[in-house]
Amino acid sequence: ADIDRTIAAGLSLSGKQWGRPDDTWGIA
């Protein structure tokens, strides 16, 4: 990749909160 500097952040949520414990939703 053509990158000299980078910063990233994100969250992941377990599907257990909506009844699917093996699922994951993420955003970054």
PDB file of all heavy atoms in Angstrom:
ATOM      1  N   ALA A   1       0.821  -1.210   0.000  1.00  0.00           N
ATOM      2  CA  ALA A   1       0.000   0.000   0.000  1.00  0.00           C
ATOM      3  C   ALA A   1       0.854   1.259   0.000  1.00  0.00           C
ATOM      4  O   ALA A   1       1.938   1.290   0.578  1.00  0.00           O
ATOM      5  CB  ALA A   1      -0.931   0.013   1.212  1.00  0.00           C
ATOM      6  N   ASP A   2       0.342   2.310  -0.654  1.00  0.00           N
ATOM      7  CA  ASP A   2       1.009   3.616  -0.692  1.00  0.00           C
ATOM      8  C   ASP A   2       0.551   4.441   0.507  1.00  0.00           C
ATOM      9  O   ASP A   2      -0.294   5.337   0.379  1.00  0.00           O
ATOM     10  CB  ASP A   2       0.667   4.340  -1.997  1.00  0.00           C
ATOM     11  CG  ASP A   2       1.095   3.559  -3.224  1.00  0.00           C
ATOM     12  OD1 ASP A   2       2.272   3.620  -3.579  1.00  0.00           O
ATOM     13  OD2 ASP A   2       0.235   2.880  -3.828  1.00  0.00           O
ATOM     14  N   ILE A   3       1.098   4.167   1.670  1.00  0.00           N
ATOM     15  CA  ILE A   3       0.703   4.857   2.897  1.00  0.00           C
ATOM     16  C   ILE A   3       1.957   5.192   3.697  1.00  0.00           C
ATOM     17  O   ILE A   3       2.808   4.336   3.893  1.00  0.00           O
ATOM     18  CB  ILE A   3      -0.239   3.988   3.755  1.00  0.00           C
ATOM     19  CG1 ILE A   3      -1.521   3.651   2.982  1.00  0.00           C
ATOM     20  CG2 ILE A   3      -0.596   4.698   5.054  1.00  0.00           C
ATOM     21  CD1 ILE A   3      -2.419   2.671   3.703  1.00  0.00           C
ATOM     22  N   ASP A   4       2.061   6.452   4.139  1.00  0.00           N
ATOM     23  CA  ASP A   4       3.177   6.873   4.989  1.00  0.00           C
ATOM     24  C   ASP A   4       2.751   7.066   6.436  1.00  0.00           C
ATOM     25  O   ASP A   4       3.582   7.013   7.341  1.00  0.00           O
ATOM     26  CB  ASP A   4       3.786   8.175   4.462  1.00  0.00           C
ATOM     27  CG  ASP A   4       4.362   8.019   3.064  1.00  0.00           C
ATOM     28  OD1 ASP A   4       4.893   6.938   2.758  1.00  0.00           O
ATOM     29  OD2 ASP A   4       4.275   8.979   2.273  1.00  0.00           O
ATOM     30  N   ARG A   5       1.467   7.330   6.646  1.00  0.00           N
ATOM     31  CA  ARG A   5       0.954   7.471   8.009  1.00  0.00           C
ATOM     32  C   ARG A   5      -0.528   7.109   8.013  1.00  0.00           C
ATOM     33  O   ARG A   5      -1.239   7.324   7.022  1.00  0.00           O
ATOM     34  CB  ARG A   5       1.160   8.888   8.536  1.00  0.00           C
ATOM     35  CG  ARG A   5       0.589   9.983   7.665  1.00  0.00           C
ATOM     36  CD  ARG A   5       0.921  11.361   8.204  1.00  0.00           C
ATOM     37  NE  ARG A   5       0.362  12.423   7.399  1.00  0.00           N
ATOM     38  CZ  ARG A   5       0.959  12.998   6.362  1.00  0.00           C
ATOM     39  NH1 ARG A   5       2.165  12.573   5.994  1.00  0.00           N
ATOM     40  NH2 ARG A   5       0.381  13.969   5.685  1.00  0.00           N
ATOM     41  N   THR A   6      -0.991   6.542   9.109  1.00  0.00           N
ATOM     42  CA  THR A   6      -2.377   6.091   9.170  1.00  0.00           C
ATOM     43  C   THR A   6      -2.868   6.079  10.610  1.00  0.00           C
ATOM     44  O   THR A   6      -2.074   5.910  11.542  1.00  0.00           O
ATOM     45  CB  THR A   6      -2.511   4.680   8.559  1.00  0.00           C
ATOM     46  OG1 THR A   6      -3.896   4.289   8.553  1.00  0.00           O
ATOM     47  CG2 THR A   6      -1.725   3.649   9.360  1.00  0.00           C
ATOM     48  N   ILE A   7      -4.162   6.270  10.770  1.00  0.00           N
ATOM     49  CA  ILE A   7      -4.803   6.119  12.073  1.00  0.00           C
ATOM     50  C   ILE A   7      -6.193   5.532  11.831  1.00  0.00           C
ATOM     51  O   ILE A   7      -6.869   5.895  10.862  1.00  0.00           O
ATOM     52  CB  ILE A   7      -4.881   7.453  12.847  1.00  0.00           C
ATOM     53  CG1 ILE A   7      -5.429   7.213  14.248  1.00  0.00           C
ATOM     54  CG2 ILE A   7      -5.711   8.488  12.088  1.00  0.00           C
ATOM     55  CD1 ILE A   7      -5.275   8.406  15.178  1.00  0.00           C
ATOM     56  N   ALA A   8      -6.582   4.590  12.683  1.00  0.00           N
ATOM     57  CA  ALA A   8      -7.874   3.930  12.521  1.00  0.00           C
ATOM     58  C   ALA A   8      -8.463   3.654  13.896  1.00  0.00           C
ATOM     59  O   ALA A   8      -7.742   3.478  14.880  1.00  0.00           O
ATOM     60  CB  ALA A   8      -7.719   2.621  11.746  1.00  0.00           C
ATOM     61  N   ALA A   9      -9.798   3.580  13.953  1.00  0.00           N
ATOM     62  CA  ALA A   9     -10.492   3.252  15.190  1.00  0.00           C
ATOM     63  C   ALA A   9     -11.829   2.627  14.829  1.00  0.00           C
ATOM     64  O   ALA A   9     -12.401   2.919  13.760  1.00  0.00           O
ATOM     65  CB  ALA A   9     -10.691   4.485  16.063  1.00  0.00           C
ATOM     66  N   GLY A  10     -12.323   1.760  15.731  1.00  0.00           N
ATOM     67  CA  GLY A  10     -13.595   1.127  15.437  1.00  0.00           C
ATOM     68  C   GLY A  10     -14.184   0.405  16.622  1.00  0.00           C
ATOM     69  O   GLY A  10     -13.558   0.270  17.684  1.00  0.00           O
ATOM     70  N   LEU A  11     -15.406  -0.071  16.431  1.00  0.00           N
ATOM     71  CA  LEU A  11     -16.154  -0.804  17.443  1.00  0.00           C
ATOM     72  C   LEU A  11     -16.683  -2.095  16.847  1.00  0.00           C
ATOM     73  O   LEU A  11     -16.996  -2.158  15.656  1.00  0.00           O
ATOM     74  CB  LEU A  11     -17.341   0.020  17.952  1.00  0.00           C
ATOM     75  CG  LEU A  11     -17.054   1.276  18.776  1.00  0.00           C
ATOM     76  CD1 LEU A  11     -18.338   2.077  18.939  1.00  0.00           C
ATOM     77  CD2 LEU A  11     -16.479   0.908  20.136  1.00  0.00           C
ATOM     78  N   SER A  12     -16.803  -3.127  17.687  1.00  0.00           N
ATOM     79  CA  SER A  12     -17.463  -4.366  17.287  1.00  0.00           C
ATOM     80  C   SER A  12     -18.482  -4.738  18.349  1.00  0.00           C
ATOM     81  O   SER A  12     -18.228  -4.576  19.551  1.00  0.00           O
ATOM     82  CB  SER A  12     -16.452  -5.494  17.090  1.00  0.00           C
ATOM     83  OG  SER A  12     -15.799  -5.809  18.301  1.00  0.00           O
ATOM     84  N   LEU A  13     -19.636  -5.237  17.916  1.00  0.00           N
ATOM     85  CA  LEU A  13     -20.718  -5.606  18.817  1.00  0.00           C
ATOM     86  C   LEU A  13     -21.081  -7.062  18.597  1.00  0.00           C
ATOM     87  O   LEU A  13     -21.240  -7.509  17.451  1.00  0.00           O
ATOM     88  CB  LEU A  13     -21.964  -4.743  18.584  1.00  0.00           C
ATOM     89  CG  LEU A  13     -22.002  -3.339  19.195  1.00  0.00           C
ATOM     90  CD1 LEU A  13     -21.025  -2.415  18.466  1.00  0.00           C
ATOM     91  CD2 LEU A  13     -23.417  -2.767  19.118  1.00  0.00           C
ATOM     92  N   SER A  14     -21.218  -7.797  19.680  1.00  0.00           N
ATOM     93  CA  SER A  14     -21.637  -9.189  19.603  1.00  0.00           C
ATOM     94  C   SER A  14     -23.127  -9.269  19.309  1.00  0.00           C
ATOM     95  O   SER A  14     -23.933  -8.508  19.861  1.00  0.00           O
ATOM     96  CB  SER A  14     -21.330  -9.907  20.920  1.00  0.00           C
ATOM     97  OG  SER A  14     -21.980 -11.164  20.980  1.00  0.00           O
ATOM     98  N   GLY A  15     -23.498 -10.222  18.469  1.00  0.00           N
ATOM     99  CA  GLY A  15     -24.911 -10.414  18.146  1.00  0.00           C
ATOM    100  C   GLY A  15     -25.732 -10.986  19.287  1.00  0.00           C
ATOM    101  O   GLY A  15     -26.957 -11.138  19.155  1.00  0.00           O
ATOM    102  N   LYS A  16     -25.078 -11.271  20.386  1.00  0.00           N
ATOM    103  CA  LYS A  16     -25.806 -11.776  21.562  1.00  0.00           C
ATOM    104  C   LYS A  16     -26.882 -10.798  21.999  1.00  0.00           C
ATOM    105  O   LYS A  16     -27.922 -11.202  22.542  1.00  0.00           O
ATOM    106  CB  LYS A  16     -24.818 -12.025  22.703  1.00  0.00           C
ATOM    107  CG  LYS A  16     -25.425 -12.674  23.927  1.00  0.00           C
ATOM    108  CD  LYS A  16     -24.363 -12.947  24.981  1.00  0.00           C
ATOM    109  CE  LYS A  16     -24.951 -13.635  26.200  1.00  0.00           C
ATOM    110  NZ  LYS A  16     -23.921 -13.922  27.228  1.00  0.00           N
ATOM    111  N   GLN A  17     -26.655  -9.515  21.713  1.00  0.00           N
ATOM    112  CA  GLN A  17     -27.609  -8.484  22.142  1.00  0.00           C
ATOM    113  C   GLN A  17     -28.914  -8.556  21.362  1.00  0.00           C
ATOM    114  O   GLN A  17     -29.928  -8.031  21.820  1.00  0.00           O
ATOM    115  CB  GLN A  17     -26.969  -7.095  22.000  1.00  0.00           C
ATOM    116  CG  GLN A  17     -25.726  -6.932  22.870  1.00  0.00           C
ATOM    117  CD  GLN A  17     -25.067  -5.586  22.666  1.00  0.00           C
ATOM    118  OE1 GLN A  17     -25.302  -4.650  23.398  1.00  0.00           O
ATOM    119  NE2 GLN A  17     -24.217  -5.501  21.649  1.00  0.00           N
ATOM    120  N   TRP A  18     -28.912  -9.164  20.174  1.00  0.00           N
ATOM    121  CA  TRP A  18     -30.146  -9.324  19.411  1.00  0.00           C
ATOM    122  C   TRP A  18     -30.443 -10.806  19.135  1.00  0.00           C
ATOM    123  O   TRP A  18     -31.080 -11.162  18.154  1.00  0.00           O
ATOM    124  CB  TRP A  18     -30.126  -8.517  18.113  1.00  0.00           C
ATOM    125  CG  TRP A  18     -28.924  -8.704  17.245  1.00  0.00           C
ATOM    126  CD1 TRP A  18     -28.746  -9.621  16.261  1.00  0.00           C
ATOM    127  CD2 TRP A  18     -27.726  -7.925  17.272  1.00  0.00           C
ATOM    128  NE1 TRP A  18     -27.518  -9.481  15.677  1.00  0.00           N
ATOM    129  CE2 TRP A  18     -26.869  -8.436  16.274  1.00  0.00           C
ATOM    130  CE3 TRP A  18     -27.298  -6.839  18.043  1.00  0.00           C
ATOM    131  CZ2 TRP A  18     -25.603  -7.905  16.038  1.00  0.00           C
ATOM    132  CZ3 TRP A  18     -26.043  -6.322  17.801  1.00  0.00           C
ATOM    133  CH2 TRP A  18     -25.213  -6.839  16.812  1.00  0.00           C
ATOM    134  N   GLY A  19     -29.952 -11.668  20.009  1.00  0.00           N
ATOM    135  CA  GLY A  19     -30.326 -13.073  19.946  1.00  0.00           C
ATOM    136  C   GLY A  19     -29.524 -13.931  19.001  1.00  0.00           C
ATOM    137  O   GLY A  19     -29.911 -15.075  18.724  1.00  0.00           O
ATOM    138  N   ARG A  20     -28.372 -13.422  18.497  1.00  0.00           N
ATOM    139  CA  ARG A  20     -27.504 -14.210  17.616  1.00  0.00           C
ATOM    140  C   ARG A  20     -26.076 -14.125  18.171  1.00  0.00           C
ATOM    141  O   ARG A  20     -25.257 -13.314  17.707  1.00  0.00           O
ATOM    142  CB  ARG A  20     -27.569 -13.702  16.179  1.00  0.00           C
ATOM    143  CG  ARG A  20     -28.922 -13.979  15.506  1.00  0.00           C
ATOM    144  CD  ARG A  20     -28.879 -13.632  14.020  1.00  0.00           C
ATOM    145  NE  ARG A  20     -27.842 -14.360  13.310  1.00  0.00           N
ATOM    146  CZ  ARG A  20     -28.010 -15.567  12.766  1.00  0.00           C
ATOM    147  NH1 ARG A  20     -29.175 -16.201  12.885  1.00  0.00           N
ATOM    148  NH2 ARG A  20     -27.023 -16.153  12.119  1.00  0.00           N
ATOM    149  N   PRO A  21     -25.766 -14.924  19.167  1.00  0.00           N
ATOM    150  CA  PRO A  21     -24.493 -14.787  19.886  1.00  0.00           C
ATOM    151  C   PRO A  21     -23.256 -15.068  19.038  1.00  0.00           C
ATOM    152  O   PRO A  21     -22.160 -14.649  19.418  1.00  0.00           O
ATOM    153  CB  PRO A  21     -24.627 -15.807  21.025  1.00  0.00           C
ATOM    154  CG  PRO A  21     -25.649 -16.790  20.543  1.00  0.00           C
ATOM    155  CD  PRO A  21     -26.612 -15.996  19.729  1.00  0.00           C
ATOM    156  N   ASP A  22     -23.399 -15.745  17.906  1.00  0.00           N
ATOM    157  CA  ASP A  22     -22.241 -16.049  17.067  1.00  0.00           C
ATOM    158  C   ASP A  22     -22.033 -15.019  15.957  1.00  0.00           C
ATOM    159  O   ASP A  22     -21.112 -15.155  15.151  1.00  0.00           O
ATOM    160  CB  ASP A  22     -22.374 -17.447  16.449  1.00  0.00           C
ATOM    161  CG  ASP A  22     -22.359 -18.543  17.502  1.00  0.00           C
ATOM    162  OD1 ASP A  22     -21.618 -18.381  18.497  1.00  0.00           O
ATOM    163  OD2 ASP A  22     -23.072 -19.552  17.337  1.00  0.00           O
ATOM    164  N   ASP A  23     -22.892 -14.000  15.891  1.00  0.00           N
ATOM    165  CA  ASP A  23     -22.754 -12.935  14.891  1.00  0.00           C
ATOM    166  C   ASP A  23     -21.955 -11.776  15.475  1.00  0.00           C
ATOM    167  O   ASP A  23     -21.873 -11.602  16.702  1.00  0.00           O
ATOM    168  CB  ASP A  23     -24.120 -12.420  14.440  1.00  0.00           C
ATOM    169  CG  ASP A  23     -24.882 -13.427  13.599  1.00  0.00           C
ATOM    170  OD1 ASP A  23     -24.388 -14.565  13.449  1.00  0.00           O
ATOM    171  OD2 ASP A  23     -25.969 -13.084  13.108  1.00  0.00           O
ATOM    172  N   THR A  24     -21.403 -10.962  14.570  1.00  0.00           N
ATOM    173  CA  THR A  24     -20.685  -9.748  14.983  1.00  0.00           C
ATOM    174  C   THR A  24     -20.961  -8.641  13.978  1.00  0.00           C
ATOM    175  O   THR A  24     -20.925  -8.866  12.762  1.00  0.00           O
ATOM    176  CB  THR A  24     -19.163  -9.991  15.040  1.00  0.00           C
ATOM    177  OG1 THR A  24     -18.878 -11.086  15.903  1.00  0.00           O
ATOM    178  CG2 THR A  24     -18.435  -8.752  15.548  1.00  0.00           C
ATOM    179  N   TRP A  25     -21.231  -7.454  14.494  1.00  0.00           N
ATOM    180  CA  TRP A  25     -21.331  -6.254  13.645  1.00  0.00           C
ATOM    181  C   TRP A  25     -20.184  -5.320  14.012  1.00  0.00           C
ATOM    182  O   TRP A  25     -19.867  -5.131  15.190  1.00  0.00           O
ATOM    183  CB  TRP A  25     -22.658  -5.533  13.853  1.00  0.00           C
ATOM    184  CG  TRP A  25     -22.730  -4.227  13.098  1.00  0.00           C
ATOM    185  CD1 TRP A  25     -22.904  -4.056  11.756  1.00  0.00           C
ATOM    186  CD2 TRP A  25     -22.580  -2.910  13.652  1.00  0.00           C
ATOM    187  NE1 TRP A  25     -22.891  -2.716  11.435  1.00  0.00           N
ATOM    188  CE2 TRP A  25     -22.688  -1.987  12.585  1.00  0.00           C
ATOM    189  CE3 TRP A  25     -22.369  -2.429  14.940  1.00  0.00           C
ATOM    190  CZ2 TRP A  25     -22.593  -0.619  12.775  1.00  0.00           C
ATOM    191  CZ3 TRP A  25     -22.274  -1.062  15.124  1.00  0.00           C
ATOM    192  CH2 TRP A  25     -22.392  -0.171  14.058  1.00  0.00           C
ATOM    193  N   GLY A  26     -19.549  -4.751  12.994  1.00  0.00           N
ATOM    194  CA  GLY A  26     -18.439  -3.850  13.253  1.00  0.00           C
ATOM    195  C   GLY A  26     -18.473  -2.625  12.369  1.00  0.00           C
ATOM    196  O   GLY A  26     -19.047  -2.636  11.271  1.00  0.00           O
ATOM    197  N   ILE A  27     -17.862  -1.555  12.860  1.00  0.00           N
ATOM    198  CA  ILE A  27     -17.727  -0.321  12.092  1.00  0.00           C
ATOM    199  C   ILE A  27     -16.392   0.315  12.450  1.00  0.00           C
ATOM    200  O   ILE A  27     -15.934   0.233  13.596  1.00  0.00           O
ATOM    201  CB  ILE A  27     -18.896   0.658  12.369  1.00  0.00           C
ATOM    202  CG1 ILE A  27     -18.817   1.860  11.415  1.00  0.00           C
ATOM    203  CG2 ILE A  27     -18.928   1.089  13.834  1.00  0.00           C
ATOM    204  CD1 ILE A  27     -20.057   2.724  11.417  1.00  0.00           C
ATOM    205  N   ALA A  28     -15.739   0.907  11.452  1.00  0.00           N
ATOM    206  CA  ALA A  28     -14.419   1.500  11.681  1.00  0.00           C
ATOM    207  C   ALA A  28     -14.215   2.677  10.736  1.00  0.00           C
ATOM    208  O   ALA A  28     -14.825   2.762   9.669  1.00  0.00           O
ATOM    209  CB  ALA A  28     -13.313   0.465  11.464  1.00  0.00           C
TER     210      ALA A  28
END
